[in-house]
Amino acid sequence: MKKKAYLLLSLFFSENEIALIKENLTNSKASSQNLSLTSLIYYDDSHWSLWLNKKLFHPENIHELEGYDLKKVTPTGANFFCHLNQKAFLLHLHQVYVPFEEKIFDPHEIGVFF
């Protein structure tokens, strides 16, 4: 009967490499806090739908949006409040709010598309 051989590899990182790994993990977490509005359907204050971060929200499930409170939806955008930096902002269609920079970006202006 043959015995199976297993190869166990170990990884060793320098302090600089560990710092880079931690920085990239932090950046991933930071980007998950961004809020992207990709679609808006508005009928009136009580009847609307928003695609935020690739998820559909409407009046019945907007409470599931983490890190933000929706204040108002209009035919052209939505007003939010960010818990992370305690800032209110207006997001229009195809815009992304980046809370760590406290800025709104239009992906079409910077050449990024969803």
N, C-alpha and C. Protein backbone atom coordinates (compact mmCIF):
# COMPACT_ATOMS: atom_id res chain seq x y z
N MET A 1 0.84 -1.18 0.00
CA MET A 1 0.00 0.00 0.00
C MET A 1 0.88 1.24 0.00
N LYS A 2 0.58 2.15 -0.94
CA LYS A 2 1.36 3.38 -1.04
C LYS A 2 0.85 4.40 -0.05
N LYS A 3 1.77 5.11 0.54
CA LYS A 3 1.40 6.22 1.41
C LYS A 3 1.30 7.50 0.59
N LYS A 4 0.32 8.30 0.92
CA LYS A 4 0.16 9.57 0.22
C LYS A 4 1.07 10.61 0.85
N ALA A 5 1.71 11.34 0.00
CA ALA A 5 2.57 12.41 0.48
C ALA A 5 1.83 13.74 0.34
N TYR A 6 1.92 14.54 1.35
CA TYR A 6 1.29 15.86 1.33
C TYR A 6 2.37 16.92 1.45
N LEU A 7 2.18 17.95 0.71
CA LEU A 7 3.11 19.05 0.75
C LEU A 7 2.43 20.20 1.47
N LEU A 8 2.99 20.59 2.57
CA LEU A 8 2.45 21.72 3.33
C LEU A 8 3.37 22.91 3.14
N LEU A 9 2.80 23.95 2.64
CA LEU A 9 3.58 25.15 2.39
C LEU A 9 3.34 26.17 3.49
N SER A 10 4.37 26.89 3.81
CA SER A 10 4.25 27.99 4.76
C SER A 10 4.62 29.27 4.04
N LEU A 11 3.96 30.34 4.43
CA LEU A 11 4.26 31.65 3.86
C LEU A 11 4.88 32.52 4.94
N PHE A 12 5.93 33.19 4.57
CA PHE A 12 6.57 34.13 5.46
C PHE A 12 6.59 35.48 4.77
N PHE A 13 6.16 36.52 5.47
CA PHE A 13 6.10 37.85 4.91
C PHE A 13 7.00 38.79 5.69
N SER A 14 7.57 39.73 4.97
CA SER A 14 8.35 40.77 5.63
C SER A 14 7.38 41.76 6.28
N GLU A 15 7.92 42.64 7.10
CA GLU A 15 7.06 43.65 7.74
C GLU A 15 6.43 44.57 6.69
N ASN A 16 7.16 44.89 5.63
CA ASN A 16 6.61 45.74 4.56
C ASN A 16 5.48 45.03 3.84
N GLU A 17 5.65 43.73 3.58
CA GLU A 17 4.61 42.96 2.90
C GLU A 17 3.35 42.86 3.77
N ILE A 18 3.54 42.67 5.07
CA ILE A 18 2.40 42.61 6.00
C ILE A 18 1.66 43.94 6.00
N ALA A 19 2.39 45.05 5.98
CA ALA A 19 1.77 46.37 5.95
C ALA A 19 0.96 46.56 4.67
N LEU A 20 1.50 46.09 3.53
CA LEU A 20 0.77 46.19 2.26
C LEU A 20 -0.50 45.35 2.28
N ILE A 21 -0.43 44.17 2.84
CA ILE A 21 -1.60 43.30 2.94
C ILE A 21 -2.67 43.97 3.79
N LYS A 22 -2.27 44.49 4.94
CA LYS A 22 -3.24 45.17 5.82
C LYS A 22 -3.85 46.38 5.13
N GLU A 23 -3.04 47.14 4.40
CA GLU A 23 -3.55 48.32 3.68
C GLU A 23 -4.58 47.92 2.64
N ASN A 24 -4.31 46.84 1.90
CA ASN A 24 -5.25 46.39 0.89
C ASN A 24 -6.53 45.86 1.51
N LEU A 25 -6.44 45.20 2.64
CA LEU A 25 -7.65 44.74 3.32
C LEU A 25 -8.47 45.92 3.82
N THR A 26 -7.80 46.94 4.32
CA THR A 26 -8.49 48.15 4.78
C THR A 26 -9.17 48.84 3.62
N ASN A 27 -8.48 48.92 2.46
CA ASN A 27 -9.08 49.57 1.29
C ASN A 27 -10.30 48.80 0.81
N SER A 28 -10.29 47.48 0.90
CA SER A 28 -11.46 46.69 0.51
C SER A 28 -12.64 47.00 1.40
N LYS A 29 -12.38 47.10 2.69
CA LYS A 29 -13.44 47.43 3.64
C LYS A 29 -13.97 48.84 3.37
N ALA A 30 -13.06 49.75 3.08
CA ALA A 30 -13.45 51.13 2.81
C ALA A 30 -14.33 51.21 1.58
N SER A 31 -13.98 50.47 0.53
CA SER A 31 -14.78 50.55 -0.69
C SER A 31 -16.15 49.92 -0.49
N SER A 32 -16.28 48.99 0.46
CA SER A 32 -17.59 48.40 0.71
C SER A 32 -18.52 49.39 1.40
N GLN A 33 -17.97 50.48 1.94
CA GLN A 33 -18.77 51.52 2.57
C GLN A 33 -19.29 52.54 1.55
N ASN A 34 -18.78 52.48 0.33
CA ASN A 34 -19.23 53.40 -0.71
C ASN A 34 -20.69 53.13 -1.04
N LEU A 35 -21.38 54.15 -1.53
CA LEU A 35 -22.78 54.01 -1.91
C LEU A 35 -22.94 54.41 -3.37
N SER A 36 -23.40 53.47 -4.18
CA SER A 36 -23.53 53.68 -5.61
C SER A 36 -25.01 53.60 -6.02
N LEU A 37 -25.50 54.62 -6.70
CA LEU A 37 -26.88 54.66 -7.18
C LEU A 37 -26.86 54.38 -8.69
N THR A 38 -27.33 53.19 -9.09
CA THR A 38 -27.27 52.82 -10.51
C THR A 38 -28.62 52.88 -11.20
N SER A 39 -29.71 52.95 -10.45
CA SER A 39 -31.02 53.06 -11.08
C SER A 39 -32.00 53.70 -10.11
N LEU A 40 -32.94 54.47 -10.67
CA LEU A 40 -33.94 55.14 -9.86
C LEU A 40 -35.26 55.15 -10.64
N ILE A 41 -36.29 54.61 -10.04
CA ILE A 41 -37.63 54.67 -10.61
C ILE A 41 -38.50 55.40 -9.58
N TYR A 42 -39.11 56.50 -9.99
CA TYR A 42 -39.86 57.33 -9.06
C TYR A 42 -41.27 57.56 -9.61
N TYR A 43 -42.27 57.26 -8.74
CA TYR A 43 -43.66 57.57 -9.08
C TYR A 43 -44.16 58.68 -8.18
N ASP A 44 -43.99 58.51 -6.87
CA ASP A 44 -44.28 59.55 -5.90
C ASP A 44 -43.49 59.23 -4.63
N ASP A 45 -43.71 60.02 -3.55
CA ASP A 45 -42.93 59.84 -2.32
C ASP A 45 -43.04 58.45 -1.71
N SER A 46 -44.13 57.76 -1.98
CA SER A 46 -44.35 56.45 -1.40
C SER A 46 -44.10 55.29 -2.36
N HIS A 47 -43.87 55.61 -3.62
CA HIS A 47 -43.68 54.57 -4.64
C HIS A 47 -42.43 54.87 -5.46
N TRP A 48 -41.36 54.18 -5.14
CA TRP A 48 -40.08 54.37 -5.81
C TRP A 48 -39.24 53.11 -5.64
N SER A 49 -38.22 52.98 -6.46
CA SER A 49 -37.25 51.89 -6.36
C SER A 49 -35.87 52.45 -6.65
N LEU A 50 -34.89 51.99 -5.89
CA LEU A 50 -33.50 52.40 -6.07
C LEU A 50 -32.62 51.15 -6.16
N TRP A 51 -31.67 51.14 -7.09
CA TRP A 51 -30.62 50.13 -7.10
C TRP A 51 -29.41 50.77 -6.45
N LEU A 52 -29.10 50.30 -5.25
CA LEU A 52 -27.96 50.80 -4.49
C LEU A 52 -26.99 49.66 -4.25
N ASN A 53 -25.76 49.84 -4.68
CA ASN A 53 -24.73 48.80 -4.50
C ASN A 53 -25.22 47.44 -5.00
N LYS A 54 -25.82 47.45 -6.18
CA LYS A 54 -26.29 46.23 -6.87
C LYS A 54 -27.39 45.49 -6.12
N LYS A 55 -28.16 46.23 -5.30
CA LYS A 55 -29.29 45.63 -4.59
C LYS A 55 -30.50 46.55 -4.75
N LEU A 56 -31.67 45.95 -4.94
CA LEU A 56 -32.90 46.71 -5.12
C LEU A 56 -33.50 47.10 -3.77
N PHE A 57 -33.78 48.39 -3.62
CA PHE A 57 -34.43 48.91 -2.41
C PHE A 57 -35.70 49.63 -2.80
N HIS A 58 -36.68 49.56 -1.91
CA HIS A 58 -37.96 50.25 -2.08
C HIS A 58 -38.42 50.62 -0.68
N PRO A 59 -39.55 51.32 -0.53
CA PRO A 59 -39.96 51.78 0.80
C PRO A 59 -40.07 50.66 1.84
N GLU A 60 -40.39 49.46 1.42
CA GLU A 60 -40.57 48.36 2.37
C GLU A 60 -39.27 47.77 2.90
N ASN A 61 -38.16 47.91 2.17
CA ASN A 61 -36.91 47.29 2.65
C ASN A 61 -35.74 48.27 2.80
N ILE A 62 -35.98 49.56 2.67
CA ILE A 62 -34.88 50.53 2.74
C ILE A 62 -34.19 50.49 4.10
N HIS A 63 -34.88 50.03 5.13
CA HIS A 63 -34.26 49.93 6.46
C HIS A 63 -33.11 48.92 6.48
N GLU A 64 -33.01 48.06 5.46
CA GLU A 64 -31.93 47.08 5.37
C GLU A 64 -30.62 47.67 4.84
N LEU A 65 -30.65 48.90 4.36
CA LEU A 65 -29.44 49.56 3.87
C LEU A 65 -28.54 49.86 5.06
N GLU A 66 -27.35 49.29 5.04
CA GLU A 66 -26.44 49.43 6.18
C GLU A 66 -25.54 50.66 6.04
N GLY A 67 -25.40 51.40 7.12
CA GLY A 67 -24.49 52.53 7.17
C GLY A 67 -25.07 53.85 6.71
N TYR A 68 -26.29 53.82 6.18
CA TYR A 68 -26.91 55.02 5.65
C TYR A 68 -28.39 55.07 6.02
N ASP A 69 -28.90 56.28 6.13
CA ASP A 69 -30.35 56.50 6.25
C ASP A 69 -30.80 57.25 5.01
N LEU A 70 -31.90 56.80 4.43
CA LEU A 70 -32.49 57.51 3.30
C LEU A 70 -33.41 58.57 3.86
N LYS A 71 -33.23 59.80 3.45
CA LYS A 71 -34.05 60.91 3.93
C LYS A 71 -35.19 61.22 2.97
N LYS A 72 -34.90 61.20 1.66
CA LYS A 72 -35.93 61.55 0.68
C LYS A 72 -35.51 61.07 -0.70
N VAL A 73 -36.51 60.65 -1.48
CA VAL A 73 -36.28 60.28 -2.88
C VAL A 73 -37.04 61.29 -3.75
N THR A 74 -36.37 61.76 -4.80
CA THR A 74 -36.99 62.69 -5.75
C THR A 74 -36.87 62.06 -7.14
N PRO A 75 -37.51 62.64 -8.14
CA PRO A 75 -37.38 62.08 -9.49
C PRO A 75 -35.95 62.10 -10.03
N THR A 76 -35.08 62.93 -9.47
CA THR A 76 -33.72 63.05 -10.00
C THR A 76 -32.63 62.52 -9.09
N GLY A 77 -32.96 62.11 -7.87
CA GLY A 77 -31.93 61.64 -6.96
C GLY A 77 -32.49 61.27 -5.60
N ALA A 78 -31.58 61.02 -4.67
CA ALA A 78 -31.98 60.63 -3.32
C ALA A 78 -31.06 61.29 -2.29
N ASN A 79 -31.66 61.74 -1.19
CA ASN A 79 -30.92 62.34 -0.09
C ASN A 79 -30.64 61.27 0.96
N PHE A 80 -29.37 61.20 1.38
CA PHE A 80 -28.95 60.21 2.36
C PHE A 80 -28.24 60.88 3.52
N PHE A 81 -28.12 60.12 4.61
CA PHE A 81 -27.29 60.51 5.75
C PHE A 81 -26.34 59.35 6.01
N CYS A 82 -25.04 59.64 6.05
CA CYS A 82 -24.01 58.63 6.27
C CYS A 82 -23.68 58.54 7.76
N HIS A 83 -23.80 57.37 8.34
CA HIS A 83 -23.50 57.16 9.76
C HIS A 83 -22.00 57.29 10.02
N LEU A 84 -21.18 56.85 9.08
CA LEU A 84 -19.73 56.80 9.28
C LEU A 84 -19.14 58.17 9.54
N ASN A 85 -19.52 59.16 8.74
CA ASN A 85 -18.94 60.50 8.90
C ASN A 85 -19.97 61.56 9.30
N GLN A 86 -21.20 61.12 9.57
CA GLN A 86 -22.25 62.03 10.03
C GLN A 86 -22.52 63.16 9.03
N LYS A 87 -22.53 62.81 7.74
CA LYS A 87 -22.76 63.80 6.69
C LYS A 87 -24.00 63.46 5.88
N ALA A 88 -24.73 64.50 5.48
CA ALA A 88 -25.87 64.34 4.57
C ALA A 88 -25.39 64.67 3.16
N PHE A 89 -25.98 64.01 2.16
CA PHE A 89 -25.58 64.26 0.78
C PHE A 89 -26.71 63.85 -0.16
N LEU A 90 -26.65 64.41 -1.37
CA LEU A 90 -27.61 64.11 -2.43
C LEU A 90 -26.89 63.30 -3.50
N LEU A 91 -27.43 62.14 -3.83
CA LEU A 91 -26.84 61.26 -4.83
C LEU A 91 -27.76 61.21 -6.04
N HIS A 92 -27.20 61.51 -7.21
CA HIS A 92 -27.94 61.42 -8.47
C HIS A 92 -27.61 60.10 -9.14
N LEU A 93 -28.35 59.80 -10.17
CA LEU A 93 -28.17 58.56 -10.91
C LEU A 93 -26.73 58.41 -11.41
N HIS A 94 -26.18 57.22 -11.25
CA HIS A 94 -24.82 56.85 -11.69
C HIS A 94 -23.73 57.60 -10.93
N GLN A 95 -24.01 57.96 -9.69
CA GLN A 95 -22.98 58.58 -8.86
C GLN A 95 -22.63 57.64 -7.71
N VAL A 96 -21.42 57.84 -7.19
CA VAL A 96 -20.93 57.03 -6.08
C VAL A 96 -20.48 57.97 -4.97
N TYR A 97 -20.96 57.72 -3.75
CA TYR A 97 -20.52 58.49 -2.59
C TYR A 97 -19.42 57.71 -1.89
N VAL A 98 -18.28 58.37 -1.64
CA VAL A 98 -17.15 57.76 -0.96
C VAL A 98 -17.01 58.45 0.39
N PRO A 99 -17.45 57.80 1.46
CA PRO A 99 -17.49 58.46 2.77
C PRO A 99 -16.12 58.82 3.34
N PHE A 100 -15.09 58.03 3.04
CA PHE A 100 -13.77 58.33 3.59
C PHE A 100 -13.16 59.57 2.96
N GLU A 101 -13.63 59.94 1.79
CA GLU A 101 -13.18 61.16 1.14
C GLU A 101 -14.23 62.26 1.20
N GLU A 102 -15.43 61.89 1.65
CA GLU A 102 -16.56 62.81 1.72
C GLU A 102 -16.80 63.49 0.37
N LYS A 103 -16.77 62.65 -0.70
CA LYS A 103 -16.94 63.16 -2.06
C LYS A 103 -17.92 62.29 -2.83
N ILE A 104 -18.53 62.92 -3.83
CA ILE A 104 -19.40 62.21 -4.75
C ILE A 104 -18.69 62.18 -6.11
N PHE A 105 -18.63 60.99 -6.69
CA PHE A 105 -17.97 60.82 -7.98
C PHE A 105 -18.99 60.39 -9.02
N ASP A 106 -18.81 60.91 -10.22
CA ASP A 106 -19.60 60.48 -11.36
C ASP A 106 -18.69 59.59 -12.18
N PRO A 107 -18.95 58.28 -12.22
CA PRO A 107 -18.05 57.36 -12.92
C PRO A 107 -17.83 57.72 -14.39
N HIS A 108 -18.80 58.34 -15.04
CA HIS A 108 -18.64 58.71 -16.44
C HIS A 108 -17.58 59.80 -16.61
N GLU A 109 -17.40 60.62 -15.59
CA GLU A 109 -16.40 61.68 -15.66
C GLU A 109 -14.99 61.14 -15.53
N ILE A 110 -14.83 60.03 -14.79
CA ILE A 110 -13.50 59.47 -14.58
C ILE A 110 -13.24 58.22 -15.41
N GLY A 111 -14.20 57.86 -16.29
CA GLY A 111 -13.99 56.76 -17.20
C GLY A 111 -14.27 55.38 -16.63
N VAL A 112 -15.02 55.29 -15.56
CA VAL A 112 -15.38 54.01 -14.96
C VAL A 112 -16.87 53.77 -15.19
N PHE A 113 -17.22 52.59 -15.63
CA PHE A 113 -18.63 52.30 -15.90
C PHE A 113 -19.05 51.06 -15.12
N PHE A 114 -20.30 51.00 -14.75
CA PHE A 114 -20.83 49.85 -13.99
C PHE A 114 -21.21 48.75 -14.93
